[in-house]
């Protein structure tokens, strides 16, 4: 079901090891700052490699004690089954609390309306579910795995990113962060989104996963899958994808660079079955991992618009 990395590359330079140590130490410091500054933090867990990395960092920051926050997953109902299985088995293994916010419940309650049409997706709908979950549990800080190298709107984020009482993000209200000093002071109703691996790159994450021997959902590695070409991208042919007579199902050897709602997350053709293969593939790639996310292609400022509305 899951795959582990190969043993650490014996030829990895001392510089690279030191660099990963520095990134790890910064992230652990940030996680401990969250625990010290906030009353009710949470770690947003998607089942993707970045949030899995955050869990490993939290283990290093707080073990042998329990995490000072629950894991929170906003479930669109259209997640990859491999991701959900990984989530449940991981939570059972580490013995931490999991809270699941359901987009389907938000639809059933009339808080959001299911999209229709060929490119319908639930990805945008999860913002309402996230904000409702934050309010229901009174979370004052939400930790996530976003990184500055992913997308230009995320590059504008501070590590402690303040959101107003409506969960909205205003890039002009972000606070300076000098000398690793993070200001978590907020007014009642506000919350902070925290990004401990903001300064990491996709390649850093994969090198860290290799070093730490972290298991991942199998969809990150090359496998044979039925796909449909949609807007120039290879989409998994799932029951959640609205197909019509123009669509042709083809079998391709693919993997996923990023994990999200199945209706907006495209695969890439790949022969990478081991972590060393993936690292080599990424090193030669000229396309960001977010290039496989259809929701980012709605407009030039799609991510920024979603963030202003409360998206993570």
C-alpha atoms as a PDB file:
ATOM      1  CA  UNK A   1       0.000   0.000   0.000  1.00  0.00           C
ATOM      2  CA  UNK A   2       2.734   2.457   0.995  1.00  0.00           C
ATOM      3  CA  UNK A   3       6.324   2.810  -0.078  1.00  0.00           C
ATOM      4  CA  UNK A   4       9.370   3.781   1.937  1.00  0.00           C
ATOM      5  CA  UNK A   5      12.387   5.565   0.611  1.00  0.00           C
ATOM      6  CA  UNK A   6      15.626   3.826  -0.209  1.00  0.00           C
ATOM      7  CA  UNK A   7      18.366   3.897   2.402  1.00  0.00           C
ATOM      8  CA  UNK A   8      19.985   7.318   2.674  1.00  0.00           C
ATOM      9  CA  UNK A   9      22.267   7.992  -0.259  1.00  0.00           C
ATOM     10  CA  UNK A  10      25.779   7.359   1.031  1.00  0.00           C
ATOM     11  CA  UNK A  11      27.103   9.915  -1.427  1.00  0.00           C
ATOM     12  CA  UNK A  12      24.948  12.742   0.006  1.00  0.00           C
ATOM     13  CA  UNK A  13      27.289  15.576   0.921  1.00  0.00           C
ATOM     14  CA  UNK A  14      27.836  16.855   4.445  1.00  0.00           C
ATOM     15  CA  UNK A  15      26.526  20.219   3.239  1.00  0.00           C
ATOM     16  CA  UNK A  16      23.155  18.728   2.307  1.00  0.00           C
ATOM     17  CA  UNK A  17      22.830  16.978   5.644  1.00  0.00           C
ATOM     18  CA  UNK A  18      23.618  20.207   7.493  1.00  0.00           C
ATOM     19  CA  UNK A  19      21.117  22.096   5.334  1.00  0.00           C
ATOM     20  CA  UNK A  20      18.326  19.647   6.140  1.00  0.00           C
ATOM     21  CA  UNK A  21      19.261  19.849   9.817  1.00  0.00           C
ATOM     22  CA  UNK A  22      18.884  23.639   9.684  1.00  0.00           C
ATOM     23  CA  UNK A  23      15.483  23.422   8.002  1.00  0.00           C
ATOM     24  CA  UNK A  24      14.359  20.815  10.519  1.00  0.00           C
ATOM     25  CA  UNK A  25      15.527  22.914  13.481  1.00  0.00           C
ATOM     26  CA  UNK A  26      13.690  25.993  12.166  1.00  0.00           C
ATOM     27  CA  UNK A  27      10.458  24.030  11.690  1.00  0.00           C
ATOM     28  CA  UNK A  28      10.677  22.466  15.163  1.00  0.00           C
ATOM     29  CA  UNK A  29      11.250  25.921  16.665  1.00  0.00           C
ATOM     30  CA  UNK A  30       8.132  27.216  14.878  1.00  0.00           C
ATOM     31  CA  UNK A  31       6.013  24.278  16.072  1.00  0.00           C
ATOM     32  CA  UNK A  32       7.112  24.898  19.660  1.00  0.00           C
ATOM     33  CA  UNK A  33       6.346  28.598  19.270  1.00  0.00           C
ATOM     34  CA  UNK A  34       2.806  27.656  18.233  1.00  0.00           C
ATOM     35  CA  UNK A  35       2.439  25.433  21.294  1.00  0.00           C
ATOM     36  CA  UNK A  36       3.719  28.232  23.521  1.00  0.00           C
ATOM     37  CA  UNK A  37       1.762  31.155  22.054  1.00  0.00           C
ATOM     38  CA  UNK A  38      -1.673  29.706  21.258  1.00  0.00           C
ATOM     39  CA  UNK A  39      -4.383  28.119  23.367  1.00  0.00           C
ATOM     40  CA  UNK A  40      -6.061  25.899  20.766  1.00  0.00           C
ATOM     41  CA  UNK A  41      -3.854  25.145  17.769  1.00  0.00           C
ATOM     42  CA  UNK A  42      -4.475  22.434  15.168  1.00  0.00           C
ATOM     43  CA  UNK A  43      -2.388  20.762  12.471  1.00  0.00           C
ATOM     44  CA  UNK A  44      -4.170  20.621   9.119  1.00  0.00           C
ATOM     45  CA  UNK A  45      -3.484  17.209   7.612  1.00  0.00           C
ATOM     46  CA  UNK A  46      -4.232  16.508   3.947  1.00  0.00           C
ATOM     47  CA  UNK A  47      -2.456  13.168   3.594  1.00  0.00           C
ATOM     48  CA  UNK A  48       0.042  14.770   1.218  1.00  0.00           C
ATOM     49  CA  UNK A  49       3.817  14.627   1.553  1.00  0.00           C
ATOM     50  CA  UNK A  50       4.083  18.097   3.134  1.00  0.00           C
ATOM     51  CA  UNK A  51       1.595  17.431   5.929  1.00  0.00           C
ATOM     52  CA  UNK A  52       3.163  13.989   6.453  1.00  0.00           C
ATOM     53  CA  UNK A  53       6.497  15.768   6.870  1.00  0.00           C
ATOM     54  CA  UNK A  54       4.879  18.088   9.427  1.00  0.00           C
ATOM     55  CA  UNK A  55       3.763  15.076  11.451  1.00  0.00           C
ATOM     56  CA  UNK A  56       7.346  13.771  11.553  1.00  0.00           C
ATOM     57  CA  UNK A  57       8.552  17.224  12.640  1.00  0.00           C
ATOM     58  CA  UNK A  58       5.873  17.332  15.354  1.00  0.00           C
ATOM     59  CA  UNK A  59       7.067  13.956  16.615  1.00  0.00           C
ATOM     60  CA  UNK A  60      10.581  15.352  16.914  1.00  0.00           C
ATOM     61  CA  UNK A  61       9.314  18.530  18.574  1.00  0.00           C
ATOM     62  CA  UNK A  62       7.058  16.952  21.231  1.00  0.00           C
ATOM     63  CA  UNK A  63       7.819  13.267  21.764  1.00  0.00           C
ATOM     64  CA  UNK A  64       7.717  11.395  24.083  1.00  0.00           C
ATOM     65  CA  UNK A  65       4.704  13.547  24.987  1.00  0.00           C
ATOM     66  CA  UNK A  66       1.469  13.854  23.021  1.00  0.00           C
ATOM     67  CA  UNK A  67       1.040  16.535  20.373  1.00  0.00           C
ATOM     68  CA  UNK A  68      -0.354  19.776  21.857  1.00  0.00           C
ATOM     69  CA  UNK A  69      -2.867  19.883  18.999  1.00  0.00           C
ATOM     70  CA  UNK A  70      -5.164  17.524  17.056  1.00  0.00           C
ATOM     71  CA  UNK A  71      -4.815  16.681  13.385  1.00  0.00           C
ATOM     72  CA  UNK A  72      -7.616  18.169  11.260  1.00  0.00           C
ATOM     73  CA  UNK A  73      -8.530  16.842   7.832  1.00  0.00           C
ATOM     74  CA  UNK A  74     -11.017  18.651   5.602  1.00  0.00           C
ATOM     75  CA  UNK A  75     -12.453  15.764   3.605  1.00  0.00           C
ATOM     76  CA  UNK A  76     -13.947  16.749   0.245  1.00  0.00           C
ATOM     77  CA  UNK A  77     -15.425  13.282  -0.203  1.00  0.00           C
ATOM     78  CA  UNK A  78     -13.451  13.072  -3.457  1.00  0.00           C
ATOM     79  CA  UNK A  79     -10.091  12.196  -1.954  1.00  0.00           C
ATOM     80  CA  UNK A  80      -7.772   9.504  -3.270  1.00  0.00           C
ATOM     81  CA  UNK A  81      -8.594   6.281  -1.436  1.00  0.00           C
ATOM     82  CA  UNK A  82      -4.867   5.677  -0.928  1.00  0.00           C
ATOM     83  CA  UNK A  83      -4.676   8.984   0.957  1.00  0.00           C
ATOM     84  CA  UNK A  84      -7.594   8.197   3.259  1.00  0.00           C
ATOM     85  CA  UNK A  85      -6.238   4.730   4.046  1.00  0.00           C
ATOM     86  CA  UNK A  86      -2.824   6.217   4.780  1.00  0.00           C
ATOM     87  CA  UNK A  87      -4.397   8.855   7.056  1.00  0.00           C
ATOM     88  CA  UNK A  88      -6.334   6.338   9.117  1.00  0.00           C
ATOM     89  CA  UNK A  89      -3.421   3.930   9.499  1.00  0.00           C
ATOM     90  CA  UNK A  90      -1.013   6.735  10.398  1.00  0.00           C
ATOM     91  CA  UNK A  91      -3.344   8.157  13.059  1.00  0.00           C
ATOM     92  CA  UNK A  92      -3.737   4.687  14.585  1.00  0.00           C
ATOM     93  CA  UNK A  93       0.039   4.238  14.610  1.00  0.00           C
ATOM     94  CA  UNK A  94       0.967   7.566  16.219  1.00  0.00           C
ATOM     95  CA  UNK A  95      -1.994   7.615  18.619  1.00  0.00           C
ATOM     96  CA  UNK A  96      -3.015  11.228  18.055  1.00  0.00           C
ATOM     97  CA  UNK A  97      -6.494  12.753  17.777  1.00  0.00           C
ATOM     98  CA  UNK A  98      -8.018  13.244  14.317  1.00  0.00           C
ATOM     99  CA  UNK A  99     -10.879  15.653  13.564  1.00  0.00           C
ATOM    100  CA  UNK A 100     -12.542  15.360  10.140  1.00  0.00           C
ATOM    101  CA  UNK A 101     -14.511  18.210   8.586  1.00  0.00           C
ATOM    102  CA  UNK A 102     -16.858  16.986   5.848  1.00  0.00           C
ATOM    103  CA  UNK A 103     -17.577  18.932   2.666  1.00  0.00           C
ATOM    104  CA  UNK A 104     -20.441  16.525   2.011  1.00  0.00           C
ATOM    105  CA  UNK A 105     -22.000  17.628   5.298  1.00  0.00           C
ATOM    106  CA  UNK A 106     -21.629  21.277   4.266  1.00  0.00           C
ATOM    107  CA  UNK A 107     -23.456  20.425   1.028  1.00  0.00           C
ATOM    108  CA  UNK A 108     -26.187  18.521   2.865  1.00  0.00           C
ATOM    109  CA  UNK A 109     -26.704  21.473   5.226  1.00  0.00           C
ATOM    110  CA  UNK A 110     -27.043  23.895   2.294  1.00  0.00           C
ATOM    111  CA  UNK A 111     -23.957  25.892   3.229  1.00  0.00           C
ATOM    112  CA  UNK A 112     -22.333  25.284  -0.154  1.00  0.00           C
ATOM    113  CA  UNK A 113     -23.687  24.235  -3.543  1.00  0.00           C
ATOM    114  CA  UNK A 114     -22.199  21.340  -5.489  1.00  0.00           C
ATOM    115  CA  UNK A 115     -20.620  22.517  -8.722  1.00  0.00           C
ATOM    116  CA  UNK A 116     -21.924  21.191 -12.030  1.00  0.00           C
ATOM    117  CA  UNK A 117     -20.434  20.858 -15.479  1.00  0.00           C
ATOM    118  CA  UNK A 118     -17.486  19.061 -16.978  1.00  0.00           C
ATOM    119  CA  UNK A 119     -14.854  20.671 -14.743  1.00  0.00           C
ATOM    120  CA  UNK A 120     -16.875  20.566 -11.523  1.00  0.00           C
ATOM    121  CA  UNK A 121     -14.786  20.176  -8.376  1.00  0.00           C
ATOM    122  CA  UNK A 122     -15.287  20.282  -4.630  1.00  0.00           C
ATOM    123  CA  UNK A 123     -11.901  21.851  -3.991  1.00  0.00           C
ATOM    124  CA  UNK A 124     -13.191  25.421  -3.587  1.00  0.00           C
ATOM    125  CA  UNK A 125     -16.068  24.226  -1.401  1.00  0.00           C
ATOM    126  CA  UNK A 126     -13.742  23.070   1.356  1.00  0.00           C
ATOM    127  CA  UNK A 127     -13.071  26.682   2.425  1.00  0.00           C
ATOM    128  CA  UNK A 128     -16.505  26.889   4.073  1.00  0.00           C
ATOM    129  CA  UNK A 129     -15.987  23.533   5.785  1.00  0.00           C
ATOM    130  CA  UNK A 130     -12.571  24.635   7.051  1.00  0.00           C
ATOM    131  CA  UNK A 131     -13.896  27.913   8.469  1.00  0.00           C
ATOM    132  CA  UNK A 132     -16.820  26.111  10.113  1.00  0.00           C
ATOM    133  CA  UNK A 133     -14.438  23.586  11.666  1.00  0.00           C
ATOM    134  CA  UNK A 134     -12.164  26.338  12.975  1.00  0.00           C
ATOM    135  CA  UNK A 135     -15.150  28.088  14.536  1.00  0.00           C
ATOM    136  CA  UNK A 136     -16.717  24.924  15.964  1.00  0.00           C
ATOM    137  CA  UNK A 137     -13.543  23.920  17.809  1.00  0.00           C
ATOM    138  CA  UNK A 138     -12.296  27.427  18.551  1.00  0.00           C
ATOM    139  CA  UNK A 139      -8.917  26.958  16.903  1.00  0.00           C
ATOM    140  CA  UNK A 140      -6.750  30.070  17.151  1.00  0.00           C
ATOM    141  CA  UNK A 141      -3.887  28.718  15.029  1.00  0.00           C
ATOM    142  CA  UNK A 142      -3.860  26.246  12.129  1.00  0.00           C
ATOM    143  CA  UNK A 143      -0.560  24.688  11.082  1.00  0.00           C
ATOM    144  CA  UNK A 144      -0.176  23.753   7.422  1.00  0.00           C
ATOM    145  CA  UNK A 145       2.391  22.515   4.957  1.00  0.00           C
ATOM    146  CA  UNK A 146       2.290  25.344   2.391  1.00  0.00           C
ATOM    147  CA  UNK A 147       5.657  26.442   1.036  1.00  0.00           C
ATOM    148  CA  UNK A 148       6.733  29.696  -0.628  1.00  0.00           C
ATOM    149  CA  UNK A 149       8.134  27.962  -3.705  1.00  0.00           C
ATOM    150  CA  UNK A 150       4.775  26.422  -4.632  1.00  0.00           C
ATOM    151  CA  UNK A 151       2.904  29.431  -5.979  1.00  0.00           C
ATOM    152  CA  UNK A 152       3.272  33.228  -6.111  1.00  0.00           C
ATOM    153  CA  UNK A 153       0.426  33.938  -3.661  1.00  0.00           C
ATOM    154  CA  UNK A 154       1.981  31.569  -1.128  1.00  0.00           C
ATOM    155  CA  UNK A 155       5.290  33.381  -1.604  1.00  0.00           C
ATOM    156  CA  UNK A 156       3.644  36.448  -0.049  1.00  0.00           C
ATOM    157  CA  UNK A 157       2.817  34.634   3.188  1.00  0.00           C
ATOM    158  CA  UNK A 158       4.569  35.144   6.493  1.00  0.00           C
ATOM    159  CA  UNK A 159       5.262  32.091   8.647  1.00  0.00           C
ATOM    160  CA  UNK A 160       2.629  33.402  11.088  1.00  0.00           C
ATOM    161  CA  UNK A 161      -0.136  34.568   8.729  1.00  0.00           C
ATOM    162  CA  UNK A 162      -2.937  36.474  10.452  1.00  0.00           C
ATOM    163  CA  UNK A 163      -6.535  35.941   9.314  1.00  0.00           C
ATOM    164  CA  UNK A 164      -9.417  38.206  10.319  1.00  0.00           C
ATOM    165  CA  UNK A 165     -12.590  37.161  12.132  1.00  0.00           C
ATOM    166  CA  UNK A 166     -14.032  35.984   8.800  1.00  0.00           C
ATOM    167  CA  UNK A 167     -10.986  33.821   8.048  1.00  0.00           C
ATOM    168  CA  UNK A 168      -9.881  36.168   5.281  1.00  0.00           C
ATOM    169  CA  UNK A 169      -6.287  36.882   4.353  1.00  0.00           C
ATOM    170  CA  UNK A 170      -5.033  40.387   3.548  1.00  0.00           C
ATOM    171  CA  UNK A 171      -1.413  40.432   2.309  1.00  0.00           C
ATOM    172  CA  UNK A 172      -1.137  44.099   3.379  1.00  0.00           C
ATOM    173  CA  UNK A 173      -1.804  43.181   7.022  1.00  0.00           C
ATOM    174  CA  UNK A 174       1.025  40.673   7.342  1.00  0.00           C
ATOM    175  CA  UNK A 175       3.553  41.347  10.074  1.00  0.00           C
ATOM    176  CA  UNK A 176       7.336  41.623   9.703  1.00  0.00           C
ATOM    177  CA  UNK A 177       9.254  38.606  10.995  1.00  0.00           C
ATOM    178  CA  UNK A 178      12.794  39.533  11.975  1.00  0.00           C
ATOM    179  CA  UNK A 179      15.398  37.318  13.655  1.00  0.00           C
ATOM    180  CA  UNK A 180      12.984  34.367  13.920  1.00  0.00           C
ATOM    181  CA  UNK A 181      10.617  36.324  16.151  1.00  0.00           C
ATOM    182  CA  UNK A 182       6.985  35.408  15.497  1.00  0.00           C
ATOM    183  CA  UNK A 183       4.098  37.556  16.696  1.00  0.00           C
ATOM    184  CA  UNK A 184       1.076  35.439  17.545  1.00  0.00           C
ATOM    185  CA  UNK A 185      -1.015  38.176  19.186  1.00  0.00           C
ATOM    186  CA  UNK A 186      -4.523  38.260  17.766  1.00  0.00           C
ATOM    187  CA  UNK A 187      -7.897  39.819  18.543  1.00  0.00           C
ATOM    188  CA  UNK A 188     -10.897  37.714  19.518  1.00  0.00           C
ATOM    189  CA  UNK A 189     -12.250  35.830  16.504  1.00  0.00           C
ATOM    190  CA  UNK A 190      -9.023  36.076  14.509  1.00  0.00           C
ATOM    191  CA  UNK A 191      -6.735  33.139  13.884  1.00  0.00           C
ATOM    192  CA  UNK A 192      -3.257  32.529  12.536  1.00  0.00           C
ATOM    193  CA  UNK A 193      -2.221  30.152   9.783  1.00  0.00           C
ATOM    194  CA  UNK A 194       1.274  28.837  10.496  1.00  0.00           C
ATOM    195  CA  UNK A 195       3.697  27.485   7.875  1.00  0.00           C
ATOM    196  CA  UNK A 196       6.694  25.744   9.525  1.00  0.00           C
ATOM    197  CA  UNK A 197       8.163  24.516   6.217  1.00  0.00           C
ATOM    198  CA  UNK A 198       7.543  27.771   4.357  1.00  0.00           C
ATOM    199  CA  UNK A 199      11.263  28.086   3.543  1.00  0.00           C
ATOM    200  CA  UNK A 200      11.565  24.538   2.200  1.00  0.00           C
ATOM    201  CA  UNK A 201      11.435  23.617  -1.478  1.00  0.00           C
ATOM    202  CA  UNK A 202       9.820  20.568  -3.047  1.00  0.00           C
ATOM    203  CA  UNK A 203      13.279  19.046  -3.392  1.00  0.00           C
ATOM    204  CA  UNK A 204      14.052  19.747   0.281  1.00  0.00           C
ATOM    205  CA  UNK A 205      10.901  17.866   1.290  1.00  0.00           C
ATOM    206  CA  UNK A 206      11.823  14.841  -0.796  1.00  0.00           C
ATOM    207  CA  UNK A 207      15.408  14.809   0.504  1.00  0.00           C
ATOM    208  CA  UNK A 208      14.053  14.973   4.056  1.00  0.00           C
ATOM    209  CA  UNK A 209      11.590  12.137   3.394  1.00  0.00           C
ATOM    210  CA  UNK A 210      14.476  10.065   2.044  1.00  0.00           C
ATOM    211  CA  UNK A 211      16.671  10.860   5.022  1.00  0.00           C
ATOM    212  CA  UNK A 212      13.938  10.133   7.570  1.00  0.00           C
ATOM    213  CA  UNK A 213      12.688   6.977   5.816  1.00  0.00           C
ATOM    214  CA  UNK A 214       9.088   8.272   5.845  1.00  0.00           C
ATOM    215  CA  UNK A 215       6.363   6.128   4.287  1.00  0.00           C
ATOM    216  CA  UNK A 216       4.092   7.791   1.725  1.00  0.00           C
ATOM    217  CA  UNK A 217       0.839   6.926  -0.058  1.00  0.00           C
ATOM    218  CA  UNK A 218       1.630   4.834  -3.127  1.00  0.00           C
ATOM    219  CA  UNK A 219       0.171   7.426  -5.544  1.00  0.00           C
ATOM    220  CA  UNK A 220       3.379   9.450  -5.194  1.00  0.00           C
ATOM    221  CA  UNK A 221       5.215   6.684  -7.062  1.00  0.00           C
ATOM    222  CA  UNK A 222       4.791   5.616 -10.681  1.00  0.00           C
ATOM    223  CA  UNK A 223       1.920   3.174 -11.247  1.00  0.00           C
ATOM    224  CA  UNK A 224      -0.462   2.206 -14.030  1.00  0.00           C
ATOM    225  CA  UNK A 225      -3.746   4.173 -13.903  1.00  0.00           C
ATOM    226  CA  UNK A 226      -6.721   4.834 -16.148  1.00  0.00           C
ATOM    227  CA  UNK A 227      -6.624   8.505 -17.156  1.00  0.00           C
ATOM    228  CA  UNK A 228      -8.468  11.087 -19.208  1.00  0.00           C
ATOM    229  CA  UNK A 229      -6.772  14.013 -20.963  1.00  0.00           C
ATOM    230  CA  UNK A 230      -8.518  17.117 -19.653  1.00  0.00           C
ATOM    231  CA  UNK A 231      -7.297  20.636 -20.543  1.00  0.00           C
ATOM    232  CA  UNK A 232      -3.936  19.203 -21.507  1.00  0.00           C
ATOM    233  CA  UNK A 233      -3.548  17.355 -18.205  1.00  0.00           C
ATOM    234  CA  UNK A 234      -3.809  13.679 -17.274  1.00  0.00           C
ATOM    235  CA  UNK A 235      -6.701  13.290 -14.839  1.00  0.00           C
ATOM    236  CA  UNK A 236      -7.456  10.039 -13.076  1.00  0.00           C
ATOM    237  CA  UNK A 237     -10.611   8.458 -14.545  1.00  0.00           C
ATOM    238  CA  UNK A 238     -12.615   8.342 -11.314  1.00  0.00           C
ATOM    239  CA  UNK A 239     -16.385   8.221 -10.706  1.00  0.00           C
ATOM    240  CA  UNK A 240     -16.123  11.833  -9.481  1.00  0.00           C
ATOM    241  CA  UNK A 241     -14.852  13.165 -12.814  1.00  0.00           C
ATOM    242  CA  UNK A 242     -17.689  14.221 -15.097  1.00  0.00           C
ATOM    243  CA  UNK A 243     -17.046  12.400 -18.377  1.00  0.00           C
ATOM    244  CA  UNK A 244     -18.755  12.891 -21.733  1.00  0.00           C
ATOM    245  CA  UNK A 245     -18.577  11.411 -25.227  1.00  0.00           C
ATOM    246  CA  UNK A 246     -15.443  13.439 -26.039  1.00  0.00           C
ATOM    247  CA  UNK A 247     -13.460  11.788 -23.259  1.00  0.00           C
ATOM    248  CA  UNK A 248     -11.343   8.733 -23.983  1.00  0.00           C
ATOM    249  CA  UNK A 249      -9.988   6.618 -21.148  1.00  0.00           C
ATOM    250  CA  UNK A 250      -6.351   5.643 -21.614  1.00  0.00           C
ATOM    251  CA  UNK A 251      -3.978   3.665 -19.399  1.00  0.00           C
ATOM    252  CA  UNK A 252      -0.784   5.495 -18.479  1.00  0.00           C
ATOM    253  CA  UNK A 253       2.113   4.986 -16.095  1.00  0.00           C
ATOM    254  CA  UNK A 254       1.837   8.042 -13.867  1.00  0.00           C
ATOM    255  CA  UNK A 255       2.451   9.441 -10.423  1.00  0.00           C
ATOM    256  CA  UNK A 256       1.108  12.461  -8.535  1.00  0.00           C
ATOM    257  CA  UNK A 257       3.385  15.304  -7.430  1.00  0.00           C
ATOM    258  CA  UNK A 258       0.712  16.850  -5.245  1.00  0.00           C
ATOM    259  CA  UNK A 259      -2.368  15.380  -3.550  1.00  0.00           C
ATOM    260  CA  UNK A 260      -5.741  17.110  -3.461  1.00  0.00           C
ATOM    261  CA  UNK A 261      -9.322  16.628  -4.594  1.00  0.00           C
ATOM    262  CA  UNK A 262      -9.326  13.958  -7.316  1.00  0.00           C
ATOM    263  CA  UNK A 263     -11.290  16.212  -9.688  1.00  0.00           C
ATOM    264  CA  UNK A 264      -8.614  18.920  -9.826  1.00  0.00           C
ATOM    265  CA  UNK A 265      -5.353  17.049  -9.249  1.00  0.00           C
ATOM    266  CA  UNK A 266      -3.582  15.914 -12.402  1.00  0.00           C
ATOM    267  CA  UNK A 267      -0.988  13.174 -12.723  1.00  0.00           C
ATOM    268  CA  UNK A 268       2.324  13.298 -14.560  1.00  0.00           C
ATOM    269  CA  UNK A 269       3.755  10.552 -16.724  1.00  0.00           C
ATOM    270  CA  UNK A 270       6.632   8.991 -14.845  1.00  0.00           C
ATOM    271  CA  UNK A 271       8.847   5.944 -14.441  1.00  0.00           C
ATOM    272  CA  UNK A 272       9.880   6.984 -10.907  1.00  0.00           C
ATOM    273  CA  UNK A 273       9.200   4.043  -8.604  1.00  0.00           C
ATOM    274  CA  UNK A 274      11.721   4.970  -5.887  1.00  0.00           C
ATOM    275  CA  UNK A 275      12.544   8.179  -4.056  1.00  0.00           C
ATOM    276  CA  UNK A 276      15.921   8.547  -5.745  1.00  0.00           C
ATOM    277  CA  UNK A 277      14.109   8.445  -9.102  1.00  0.00           C
ATOM    278  CA  UNK A 278      11.656  11.130  -7.941  1.00  0.00           C
ATOM    279  CA  UNK A 279      14.459  13.398  -6.711  1.00  0.00           C
ATOM    280  CA  UNK A 280      16.233  13.083 -10.057  1.00  0.00           C
ATOM    281  CA  UNK A 281      12.960  13.757 -11.900  1.00  0.00           C
ATOM    282  CA  UNK A 282      12.206  16.896  -9.862  1.00  0.00           C
ATOM    283  CA  UNK A 283      15.761  18.165 -10.271  1.00  0.00           C
ATOM    284  CA  UNK A 284      15.283  18.153 -14.038  1.00  0.00           C
ATOM    285  CA  UNK A 285      11.711  19.466 -14.079  1.00  0.00           C
ATOM    286  CA  UNK A 286      10.924  22.984 -15.293  1.00  0.00           C
ATOM    287  CA  UNK A 287       7.302  22.863 -14.046  1.00  0.00           C
ATOM    288  CA  UNK A 288       6.186  23.561 -10.482  1.00  0.00           C
ATOM    289  CA  UNK A 289       4.315  20.807  -8.670  1.00  0.00           C
ATOM    290  CA  UNK A 290       1.297  23.167  -8.569  1.00  0.00           C
ATOM    291  CA  UNK A 291       1.337  22.997 -12.361  1.00  0.00           C
ATOM    292  CA  UNK A 292      -0.648  19.793 -11.931  1.00  0.00           C
ATOM    293  CA  UNK A 293      -3.449  21.522 -10.008  1.00  0.00           C
ATOM    294  CA  UNK A 294      -6.352  22.484 -12.262  1.00  0.00           C
ATOM    295  CA  UNK A 295      -7.826  24.828  -9.631  1.00  0.00           C
ATOM    296  CA  UNK A 296      -4.781  27.101  -9.921  1.00  0.00           C
ATOM    297  CA  UNK A 297      -5.446  27.622 -13.648  1.00  0.00           C
ATOM    298  CA  UNK A 298      -8.835  29.302 -13.267  1.00  0.00           C
ATOM    299  CA  UNK A 299      -7.111  32.706 -13.412  1.00  0.00           C
ATOM    300  CA  UNK A 300      -3.723  34.299 -12.856  1.00  0.00           C
ATOM    301  CA  UNK A 301      -4.722  35.097  -9.268  1.00  0.00           C
ATOM    302  CA  UNK A 302      -6.793  31.990  -8.521  1.00  0.00           C
ATOM    303  CA  UNK A 303      -4.846  30.982  -5.415  1.00  0.00           C
ATOM    304  CA  UNK A 304      -4.716  34.517  -4.033  1.00  0.00           C
ATOM    305  CA  UNK A 305      -8.487  34.939  -4.483  1.00  0.00           C
ATOM    306  CA  UNK A 306      -9.122  31.666  -2.645  1.00  0.00           C
ATOM    307  CA  UNK A 307      -6.776  32.630   0.172  1.00  0.00           C
ATOM    308  CA  UNK A 308      -8.543  35.973   0.600  1.00  0.00           C
ATOM    309  CA  UNK A 309     -11.770  34.011   1.010  1.00  0.00           C
ATOM    310  CA  UNK A 310     -10.354  31.772   3.732  1.00  0.00           C
ATOM    311  CA  UNK A 311      -8.655  28.972   1.788  1.00  0.00           C
ATOM    312  CA  UNK A 312      -5.468  27.665   3.328  1.00  0.00           C
END
